[in-house]
Structure formats: structure tokens, C-alpha cells
Amino acid sequence: MSCRLTVKVVPGASRNKVVGMLGEALKIRVQAPPEKGKANAAVLKLVAQFLDLPAKQLSICAGHTSATKVVEIQGISEEELAGKLAELAT
């Protein structure tokens, strides 16, 4: 079981934070600069913490050099993901 999540990333932020939803994408800020994969690693770690999953269950499948990324998540259903994202609105 796996699903995909679109993530809008703001690198070089003052702290790592899940900001909320931006349209259909999860908006996050990471401290890491967008160089040598540092921001990508920070994105995976932060999204994994938000979803309460091990980081090894996440991978970036599109947008490696873009601010908009698609993260593939193993071990969670679309319904579980939707529930986690809905918690942001409350």
C-alpha cells in the first residue's frame, strides 16, 4: 500500500515546519539549503515526522530540483493520508 503527496518546499527557512495546505499540496519550510540534496533529505525527514512514519518509507519520485516535489509514501493508505492532512485544518 502506497500513495503520493505533492509538497511545496521553502528551503533556507529559519526553522523546519509543516505550514499547512496550499491548494492540493502540503507546504513545508526547511532550514536546509537547496544544494547537494540537503533540502530533499530535510523534506523527507520532516514529512516522515509529520506522518509518524520512518523516513525510509518515503522517497521523492518527482521534483528533485524543484520547489514542488512529489513524495511517494509506503505503508499508508490514501484515507490515512487524507486524515492526517485534515488534522492541519483543525
PDB file of N, CA and C in Angstrom:
ATOM      1  N   MET A   1       0.854  -1.165   0.000  1.00  0.00           N
ATOM      2  CA  MET A   1       0.000   0.000   0.000  1.00  0.00           C
ATOM      3  C   MET A   1       0.902   1.230   0.000  1.00  0.00           C
ATOM      4  N   SER A   2       0.639   2.130  -0.931  1.00  0.00           N
ATOM      5  CA  SER A   2       1.412   3.361  -1.013  1.00  0.00           C
ATOM      6  C   SER A   2       0.548   4.458  -1.614  1.00  0.00           C
ATOM      7  N   CYS A   3       1.000   5.687  -1.438  1.00  0.00           N
ATOM      8  CA  CYS A   3       0.309   6.823  -2.026  1.00  0.00           C
ATOM      9  C   CYS A   3       1.322   7.924  -2.291  1.00  0.00           C
ATOM     10  N   ARG A   4       0.873   8.953  -2.963  1.00  0.00           N
ATOM     11  CA  ARG A   4       1.755  10.061  -3.307  1.00  0.00           C
ATOM     12  C   ARG A   4       1.196  11.364  -2.761  1.00  0.00           C
ATOM     13  N   LEU A   5       2.118  12.252  -2.407  1.00  0.00           N
ATOM     14  CA  LEU A   5       1.758  13.541  -1.829  1.00  0.00           C
ATOM     15  C   LEU A   5       2.579  14.623  -2.513  1.00  0.00           C
ATOM     16  N   THR A   6       1.912  15.672  -2.979  1.00  0.00           N
ATOM     17  CA  THR A   6       2.612  16.823  -3.543  1.00  0.00           C
ATOM     18  C   THR A   6       3.010  17.741  -2.398  1.00  0.00           C
ATOM     19  N   VAL A   7       4.273  18.180  -2.420  1.00  0.00           N
ATOM     20  CA  VAL A   7       4.813  19.007  -1.350  1.00  0.00           C
ATOM     21  C   VAL A   7       5.424  20.263  -1.964  1.00  0.00           C
ATOM     22  N   LYS A   8       5.050  21.429  -1.445  1.00  0.00           N
ATOM     23  CA  LYS A   8       5.651  22.705  -1.843  1.00  0.00           C
ATOM     24  C   LYS A   8       6.669  23.062  -0.775  1.00  0.00           C
ATOM     25  N   VAL A   9       7.925  23.215  -1.181  1.00  0.00           N
ATOM     26  CA  VAL A   9       9.026  23.385  -0.233  1.00  0.00           C
ATOM     27  C   VAL A   9       9.587  24.802  -0.292  1.00  0.00           C
ATOM     28  N   VAL A  10       9.809  25.388   0.883  1.00  0.00           N
ATOM     29  CA  VAL A  10      10.509  26.661   1.000  1.00  0.00           C
ATOM     30  C   VAL A  10      11.825  26.356   1.721  1.00  0.00           C
ATOM     31  N   PRO A  11      12.945  26.277   0.975  1.00  0.00           N
ATOM     32  CA  PRO A  11      14.234  25.974   1.603  1.00  0.00           C
ATOM     33  C   PRO A  11      14.846  27.219   2.243  1.00  0.00           C
ATOM     34  N   GLY A  12      15.830  27.013   3.117  1.00  0.00           N
ATOM     35  CA  GLY A  12      16.537  28.116   3.739  1.00  0.00           C
ATOM     36  C   GLY A  12      15.712  28.877   4.756  1.00  0.00           C
ATOM     37  N   ALA A  13      14.712  28.237   5.332  1.00  0.00           N
ATOM     38  CA  ALA A  13      13.843  28.885   6.320  1.00  0.00           C
ATOM     39  C   ALA A  13      14.546  28.957   7.676  1.00  0.00           C
ATOM     40  N   SER A  14      13.977  29.716   8.596  1.00  0.00           N
ATOM     41  CA  SER A  14      14.580  29.848   9.919  1.00  0.00           C
ATOM     42  C   SER A  14      14.415  28.591  10.763  1.00  0.00           C
ATOM     43  N   ARG A  15      13.386  27.785  10.450  1.00  0.00           N
ATOM     44  CA  ARG A  15      13.205  26.514  11.159  1.00  0.00           C
ATOM     45  C   ARG A  15      12.391  25.559  10.295  1.00  0.00           C
ATOM     46  N   ASN A  16      12.472  24.279  10.619  1.00  0.00           N
ATOM     47  CA  ASN A  16      11.702  23.259   9.908  1.00  0.00           C
ATOM     48  C   ASN A  16      10.268  23.286  10.426  1.00  0.00           C
ATOM     49  N   LYS A  17       9.311  23.345   9.505  1.00  0.00           N
ATOM     50  CA  LYS A  17       7.917  23.442   9.937  1.00  0.00           C
ATOM     51  C   LYS A  17       6.975  23.002   8.827  1.00  0.00           C
ATOM     52  N   VAL A  18       5.927  22.270   9.205  1.00  0.00           N
ATOM     53  CA  VAL A  18       4.820  21.986   8.296  1.00  0.00           C
ATOM     54  C   VAL A  18       3.878  23.175   8.413  1.00  0.00           C
ATOM     55  N   VAL A  19       3.722  23.929   7.328  1.00  0.00           N
ATOM     56  CA  VAL A  19       2.945  25.166   7.355  1.00  0.00           C
ATOM     57  C   VAL A  19       1.455  24.889   7.240  1.00  0.00           C
ATOM     58  N   GLY A  20       1.081  24.017   6.308  1.00  0.00           N
ATOM     59  CA  GLY A  20      -0.327  23.714   6.082  1.00  0.00           C
ATOM     60  C   GLY A  20      -0.540  23.330   4.634  1.00  0.00           C
ATOM     61  N   MET A  21      -1.766  23.394   4.204  1.00  0.00           N
ATOM     62  CA  MET A  21      -2.094  23.036   2.828  1.00  0.00           C
ATOM     63  C   MET A  21      -2.070  24.285   1.951  1.00  0.00           C
ATOM     64  N   LEU A  22      -1.546  24.125   0.751  1.00  0.00           N
ATOM     65  CA  LEU A  22      -1.531  25.174  -0.260  1.00  0.00           C
ATOM     66  C   LEU A  22      -2.171  24.564  -1.494  1.00  0.00           C
ATOM     67  N   GLY A  23      -3.481  24.732  -1.629  1.00  0.00           N
ATOM     68  CA  GLY A  23      -4.217  24.034  -2.676  1.00  0.00           C
ATOM     69  C   GLY A  23      -4.215  22.543  -2.372  1.00  0.00           C
ATOM     70  N   GLU A  24      -3.708  21.744  -3.294  1.00  0.00           N
ATOM     71  CA  GLU A  24      -3.623  20.288  -3.109  1.00  0.00           C
ATOM     72  C   GLU A  24      -2.277  19.857  -2.542  1.00  0.00           C
ATOM     73  N   ALA A  25      -1.376  20.814  -2.296  1.00  0.00           N
ATOM     74  CA  ALA A  25      -0.024  20.482  -1.847  1.00  0.00           C
ATOM     75  C   ALA A  25       0.161  20.791  -0.362  1.00  0.00           C
ATOM     76  N   LEU A  26       1.024  20.013   0.273  1.00  0.00           N
ATOM     77  CA  LEU A  26       1.429  20.269   1.648  1.00  0.00           C
ATOM     78  C   LEU A  26       2.585  21.257   1.593  1.00  0.00           C
ATOM     79  N   LYS A  27       2.460  22.395   2.253  1.00  0.00           N
ATOM     80  CA  LYS A  27       3.524  23.399   2.247  1.00  0.00           C
ATOM     81  C   LYS A  27       4.380  23.222   3.490  1.00  0.00           C
ATOM     82  N   ILE A  28       5.698  23.130   3.267  1.00  0.00           N
ATOM     83  CA  ILE A  28       6.620  22.996   4.389  1.00  0.00           C
ATOM     84  C   ILE A  28       7.800  23.940   4.205  1.00  0.00           C
ATOM     85  N   ARG A  29       8.428  24.267   5.325  1.00  0.00           N
ATOM     86  CA  ARG A  29       9.651  25.076   5.324  1.00  0.00           C
ATOM     87  C   ARG A  29      10.761  24.236   5.936  1.00  0.00           C
ATOM     88  N   VAL A  30      11.927  24.268   5.300  1.00  0.00           N
ATOM     89  CA  VAL A  30      13.080  23.543   5.833  1.00  0.00           C
ATOM     90  C   VAL A  30      14.267  24.489   5.928  1.00  0.00           C
ATOM     91  N   GLN A  31      15.101  24.273   6.938  1.00  0.00           N
ATOM     92  CA  GLN A  31      16.283  25.098   7.141  1.00  0.00           C
ATOM     93  C   GLN A  31      17.363  24.819   6.105  1.00  0.00           C
ATOM     94  N   ALA A  32      17.427  23.612   5.621  1.00  0.00           N
ATOM     95  CA  ALA A  32      18.497  23.196   4.718  1.00  0.00           C
ATOM     96  C   ALA A  32      18.468  23.997   3.417  1.00  0.00           C
ATOM     97  N   PRO A  33      19.658  24.301   2.892  1.00  0.00           N
ATOM     98  CA  PRO A  33      19.716  24.997   1.605  1.00  0.00           C
ATOM     99  C   PRO A  33      19.415  24.037   0.455  1.00  0.00           C
ATOM    100  N   PRO A  34      18.964  24.576  -0.673  1.00  0.00           N
ATOM    101  CA  PRO A  34      18.637  23.711  -1.816  1.00  0.00           C
ATOM    102  C   PRO A  34      19.880  23.341  -2.627  1.00  0.00           C
ATOM    103  N   GLU A  35      20.809  22.654  -1.988  1.00  0.00           N
ATOM    104  CA  GLU A  35      22.030  22.247  -2.679  1.00  0.00           C
ATOM    105  C   GLU A  35      22.468  20.865  -2.221  1.00  0.00           C
ATOM    106  N   LYS A  36      22.975  20.097  -3.161  1.00  0.00           N
ATOM    107  CA  LYS A  36      23.513  18.757  -2.895  1.00  0.00           C
ATOM    108  C   LYS A  36      22.524  17.842  -2.173  1.00  0.00           C
ATOM    109  N   GLY A  37      21.234  18.016  -2.424  1.00  0.00           N
ATOM    110  CA  GLY A  37      20.228  17.133  -1.848  1.00  0.00           C
ATOM    111  C   GLY A  37      19.910  17.374  -0.385  1.00  0.00           C
ATOM    112  N   LYS A  38      20.477  18.428   0.199  1.00  0.00           N
ATOM    113  CA  LYS A  38      20.247  18.689   1.625  1.00  0.00           C
ATOM    114  C   LYS A  38      18.784  19.011   1.912  1.00  0.00           C
ATOM    115  N   ALA A  39      18.178  19.848   1.085  1.00  0.00           N
ATOM    116  CA  ALA A  39      16.768  20.193   1.299  1.00  0.00           C
ATOM    117  C   ALA A  39      15.874  18.979   1.061  1.00  0.00           C
ATOM    118  N   ASN A  40      16.203  18.159   0.069  1.00  0.00           N
ATOM    119  CA  ASN A  40      15.406  16.956  -0.196  1.00  0.00           C
ATOM    120  C   ASN A  40      15.423  16.019   1.004  1.00  0.00           C
ATOM    121  N   ALA A  41      16.589  15.828   1.609  1.00  0.00           N
ATOM    122  CA  ALA A  41      16.691  14.967   2.793  1.00  0.00           C
ATOM    123  C   ALA A  41      15.875  15.546   3.944  1.00  0.00           C
ATOM    124  N   ALA A  42      15.924  16.861   4.103  1.00  0.00           N
ATOM    125  CA  ALA A  42      15.157  17.511   5.170  1.00  0.00           C
ATOM    126  C   ALA A  42      13.656  17.380   4.927  1.00  0.00           C
ATOM    127  N   VAL A  43      13.251  17.455   3.663  1.00  0.00           N
ATOM    128  CA  VAL A  43      11.836  17.293   3.308  1.00  0.00           C
ATOM    129  C   VAL A  43      11.351  15.911   3.718  1.00  0.00           C
ATOM    130  N   LEU A  44      12.103  14.885   3.346  1.00  0.00           N
ATOM    131  CA  LEU A  44      11.700  13.510   3.677  1.00  0.00           C
ATOM    132  C   LEU A  44      11.618  13.313   5.186  1.00  0.00           C
ATOM    133  N   LYS A  45      12.586  13.849   5.910  1.00  0.00           N
ATOM    134  CA  LYS A  45      12.601  13.697   7.369  1.00  0.00           C
ATOM    135  C   LYS A  45      11.397  14.402   8.005  1.00  0.00           C
ATOM    136  N   LEU A  46      11.108  15.623   7.565  1.00  0.00           N
ATOM    137  CA  LEU A  46      10.005  16.388   8.148  1.00  0.00           C
ATOM    138  C   LEU A  46       8.648  15.774   7.817  1.00  0.00           C
ATOM    139  N   VAL A  47       8.458  15.347   6.575  1.00  0.00           N
ATOM    140  CA  VAL A  47       7.186  14.716   6.193  1.00  0.00           C
ATOM    141  C   VAL A  47       7.012  13.401   6.952  1.00  0.00           C
ATOM    142  N   ALA A  48       8.096  12.646   7.122  1.00  0.00           N
ATOM    143  CA  ALA A  48       8.026  11.392   7.880  1.00  0.00           C
ATOM    144  C   ALA A  48       7.616  11.656   9.327  1.00  0.00           C
ATOM    145  N   GLN A  49       8.181  12.688   9.940  1.00  0.00           N
ATOM    146  CA  GLN A  49       7.810  13.035  11.315  1.00  0.00           C
ATOM    147  C   GLN A  49       6.339  13.435  11.389  1.00  0.00           C
ATOM    148  N   PHE A  50       5.893  14.228  10.426  1.00  0.00           N
ATOM    149  CA  PHE A  50       4.501  14.675  10.394  1.00  0.00           C
ATOM    150  C   PHE A  50       3.545  13.492  10.285  1.00  0.00           C
ATOM    151  N   LEU A  51       3.909  12.503   9.457  1.00  0.00           N
ATOM    152  CA  LEU A  51       3.046  11.340   9.244  1.00  0.00           C
ATOM    153  C   LEU A  51       3.298  10.232  10.258  1.00  0.00           C
ATOM    154  N   ASP A  52       4.275  10.420  11.133  1.00  0.00           N
ATOM    155  CA  ASP A  52       4.641   9.425  12.145  1.00  0.00           C
ATOM    156  C   ASP A  52       5.039   8.101  11.489  1.00  0.00           C
ATOM    157  N   LEU A  53       5.914   8.201  10.485  1.00  0.00           N
ATOM    158  CA  LEU A  53       6.423   7.039   9.756  1.00  0.00           C
ATOM    159  C   LEU A  53       7.944   7.106   9.723  1.00  0.00           C
ATOM    160  N   PRO A  54       8.611   5.972   9.537  1.00  0.00           N
ATOM    161  CA  PRO A  54      10.063   6.002   9.347  1.00  0.00           C
ATOM    162  C   PRO A  54      10.403   6.686   8.018  1.00  0.00           C
ATOM    163  N   ALA A  55      11.457   7.485   8.003  1.00  0.00           N
ATOM    164  CA  ALA A  55      11.849   8.212   6.790  1.00  0.00           C
ATOM    165  C   ALA A  55      12.172   7.273   5.637  1.00  0.00           C
ATOM    166  N   LYS A  56      12.584   6.045   5.941  1.00  0.00           N
ATOM    167  CA  LYS A  56      12.934   5.105   4.868  1.00  0.00           C
ATOM    168  C   LYS A  56      11.708   4.674   4.057  1.00  0.00           C
ATOM    169  N   GLN A  57      10.502   4.960   4.544  1.00  0.00           N
ATOM    170  CA  GLN A  57       9.281   4.621   3.813  1.00  0.00           C
ATOM    171  C   GLN A  57       8.875   5.715   2.828  1.00  0.00           C
ATOM    172  N   LEU A  58       9.646   6.801   2.768  1.00  0.00           N
ATOM    173  CA  LEU A  58       9.343   7.911   1.879  1.00  0.00           C
ATOM    174  C   LEU A  58      10.448   8.081   0.851  1.00  0.00           C
ATOM    175  N   SER A  59      10.061   8.494  -0.345  1.00  0.00           N
ATOM    176  CA  SER A  59      11.045   8.817  -1.375  1.00  0.00           C
ATOM    177  C   SER A  59      10.473   9.894  -2.285  1.00  0.00           C
ATOM    178  N   ILE A  60      11.357  10.707  -2.821  1.00  0.00           N
ATOM    179  CA  ILE A  60      10.937  11.732  -3.769  1.00  0.00           C
ATOM    180  C   ILE A  60      10.915  11.093  -5.141  1.00  0.00           C
ATOM    181  N   CYS A  61       9.757  11.091  -5.780  1.00  0.00           N
ATOM    182  CA  CYS A  61       9.644  10.455  -7.092  1.00  0.00           C
ATOM    183  C   CYS A  61       9.569  11.475  -8.220  1.00  0.00           C
ATOM    184  N   ALA A  62       9.399  12.755  -7.905  1.00  0.00           N
ATOM    185  CA  ALA A  62       9.407  13.808  -8.923  1.00  0.00           C
ATOM    186  C   ALA A  62       9.751  15.132  -8.251  1.00  0.00           C
ATOM    187  N   GLY A  63      10.448  16.001  -8.990  1.00  0.00           N
ATOM    188  CA  GLY A  63      10.756  17.327  -8.471  1.00  0.00           C
ATOM    189  C   GLY A  63      12.029  17.408  -7.663  1.00  0.00           C
ATOM    190  N   HIS A  64      13.014  16.580  -7.979  1.00  0.00           N
ATOM    191  CA  HIS A  64      14.265  16.574  -7.210  1.00  0.00           C
ATOM    192  C   HIS A  64      14.937  17.944  -7.175  1.00  0.00           C
ATOM    193  N   THR A  65      14.807  18.732  -8.233  1.00  0.00           N
ATOM    194  CA  THR A  65      15.445  20.048  -8.286  1.00  0.00           C
ATOM    195  C   THR A  65      14.422  21.177  -8.316  1.00  0.00           C
ATOM    196  N   SER A  66      13.200  20.884  -7.949  1.00  0.00           N
ATOM    197  CA  SER A  66      12.118  21.867  -7.979  1.00  0.00           C
ATOM    198  C   SER A  66      11.598  22.123  -6.570  1.00  0.00           C
ATOM    199  N   ALA A  67      10.964  23.270  -6.380  1.00  0.00           N
ATOM    200  CA  ALA A  67      10.347  23.565  -5.084  1.00  0.00           C
ATOM    201  C   ALA A  67       9.082  22.747  -4.870  1.00  0.00           C
ATOM    202  N   THR A  68       8.484  22.275  -5.948  1.00  0.00           N
ATOM    203  CA  THR A  68       7.307  21.416  -5.851  1.00  0.00           C
ATOM    204  C   THR A  68       7.739  19.981  -6.097  1.00  0.00           C
ATOM    205  N   LYS A  69       7.544  19.137  -5.116  1.00  0.00           N
ATOM    206  CA  LYS A  69       8.002  17.755  -5.175  1.00  0.00           C
ATOM    207  C   LYS A  69       6.826  16.794  -5.020  1.00  0.00           C
ATOM    208  N   VAL A  70       7.001  15.591  -5.517  1.00  0.00           N
ATOM    209  CA  VAL A  70       6.028  14.528  -5.304  1.00  0.00           C
ATOM    210  C   VAL A  70       6.727  13.459  -4.474  1.00  0.00           C
ATOM    211  N   VAL A  71       6.174  13.194  -3.299  1.00  0.00           N
ATOM    212  CA  VAL A  71       6.752  12.226  -2.372  1.00  0.00           C
ATOM    213  C   VAL A  71       5.911  10.959  -2.403  1.00  0.00           C
ATOM    214  N   GLU A  72       6.568   9.824  -2.621  1.00  0.00           N
ATOM    215  CA  GLU A  72       5.880   8.536  -2.553  1.00  0.00           C
ATOM    216  C   GLU A  72       6.027   8.001  -1.137  1.00  0.00           C
ATOM    217  N   ILE A  73       4.910   7.567  -0.571  1.00  0.00           N
ATOM    218  CA  ILE A  73       4.869   7.128   0.823  1.00  0.00           C
ATOM    219  C   ILE A  73       4.406   5.683   0.865  1.00  0.00           C
ATOM    220  N   GLN A  74       5.224   4.811   1.440  1.00  0.00           N
ATOM    221  CA  GLN A  74       4.890   3.396   1.599  1.00  0.00           C
ATOM    222  C   GLN A  74       4.262   3.182   2.978  1.00  0.00           C
ATOM    223  N   GLY A  75       3.335   2.260   3.067  1.00  0.00           N
ATOM    224  CA  GLY A  75       2.796   1.868   4.365  1.00  0.00           C
ATOM    225  C   GLY A  75       1.673   2.742   4.891  1.00  0.00           C
ATOM    226  N   ILE A  76       1.055   3.532   4.034  1.00  0.00           N
ATOM    227  CA  ILE A  76      -0.073   4.356   4.454  1.00  0.00           C
ATOM    228  C   ILE A  76      -1.075   4.390   3.297  1.00  0.00           C
ATOM    229  N   SER A  77      -2.344   4.356   3.628  1.00  0.00           N
ATOM    230  CA  SER A  77      -3.377   4.385   2.585  1.00  0.00           C
ATOM    231  C   SER A  77      -3.748   5.833   2.265  1.00  0.00           C
ATOM    232  N   GLU A  78      -4.443   6.014   1.161  1.00  0.00           N
ATOM    233  CA  GLU A  78      -4.928   7.348   0.780  1.00  0.00           C
ATOM    234  C   GLU A  78      -5.832   7.919   1.877  1.00  0.00           C
ATOM    235  N   GLU A  79      -6.654   7.053   2.486  1.00  0.00           N
ATOM    236  CA  GLU A  79      -7.577   7.502   3.531  1.00  0.00           C
ATOM    237  C   GLU A  79      -6.817   7.967   4.773  1.00  0.00           C
ATOM    238  N   GLU A  80      -5.784   7.208   5.168  1.00  0.00           N
ATOM    239  CA  GLU A  80      -4.979   7.598   6.328  1.00  0.00           C
ATOM    240  C   GLU A  80      -4.264   8.920   6.067  1.00  0.00           C
ATOM    241  N   LEU A  81      -3.733   9.072   4.864  1.00  0.00           N
ATOM    242  CA  LEU A  81      -3.055  10.315   4.499  1.00  0.00           C
ATOM    243  C   LEU A  81      -4.033  11.486   4.529  1.00  0.00           C
ATOM    244  N   ALA A  82      -5.218  11.294   3.969  1.00  0.00           N
ATOM    245  CA  ALA A  82      -6.233  12.349   3.970  1.00  0.00           C
ATOM    246  C   ALA A  82      -6.599  12.751   5.397  1.00  0.00           C
ATOM    247  N   GLY A  83      -6.667  11.773   6.299  1.00  0.00           N
ATOM    248  CA  GLY A  83      -6.966  12.063   7.695  1.00  0.00           C
ATOM    249  C   GLY A  83      -5.887  12.904   8.352  1.00  0.00           C
ATOM    250  N   LYS A  84      -4.621  12.573   8.086  1.00  0.00           N
ATOM    251  CA  LYS A  84      -3.501  13.349   8.644  1.00  0.00           C
ATOM    252  C   LYS A  84      -3.524  14.779   8.113  1.00  0.00           C
ATOM    253  N   LEU A  85      -3.801  14.925   6.818  1.00  0.00           N
ATOM    254  CA  LEU A  85      -3.834  16.258   6.218  1.00  0.00           C
ATOM    255  C   LEU A  85      -5.022  17.064   6.732  1.00  0.00           C
ATOM    256  N   ALA A  86      -6.134  16.391   7.004  1.00  0.00           N
ATOM    257  CA  ALA A  86      -7.320  17.071   7.535  1.00  0.00           C
ATOM    258  C   ALA A  86      -7.051  17.629   8.930  1.00  0.00           C
ATOM    259  N   GLU A  87      -6.152  16.983   9.682  1.00  0.00           N
ATOM    260  CA  GLU A  87      -5.808  17.464  11.023  1.00  0.00           C
ATOM    261  C   GLU A  87      -5.179  18.853  10.972  1.00  0.00           C
ATOM    262  N   LEU A  88      -4.549  19.196   9.852  1.00  0.00           N
ATOM    263  CA  LEU A  88      -3.941  20.522   9.713  1.00  0.00           C
ATOM    264  C   LEU A  88      -4.988  21.625   9.717  1.00  0.00           C
ATOM    265  N   ALA A  89      -6.171  21.318   9.226  1.00  0.00           N
ATOM    266  CA  ALA A  89      -7.232  22.321   9.116  1.00  0.00           C
ATOM    267  C   ALA A  89      -7.901  22.601  10.454  1.00  0.00           C
ATOM    268  N   THR A  90      -7.673  21.744  11.437  1.00  0.00           N
ATOM    269  CA  THR A  90      -8.339  21.938  12.731  1.00  0.00           C
ATOM    270  C   THR A  90      -7.465  22.654  13.725  1.00  0.00           C
TER     271      THR A  90
END
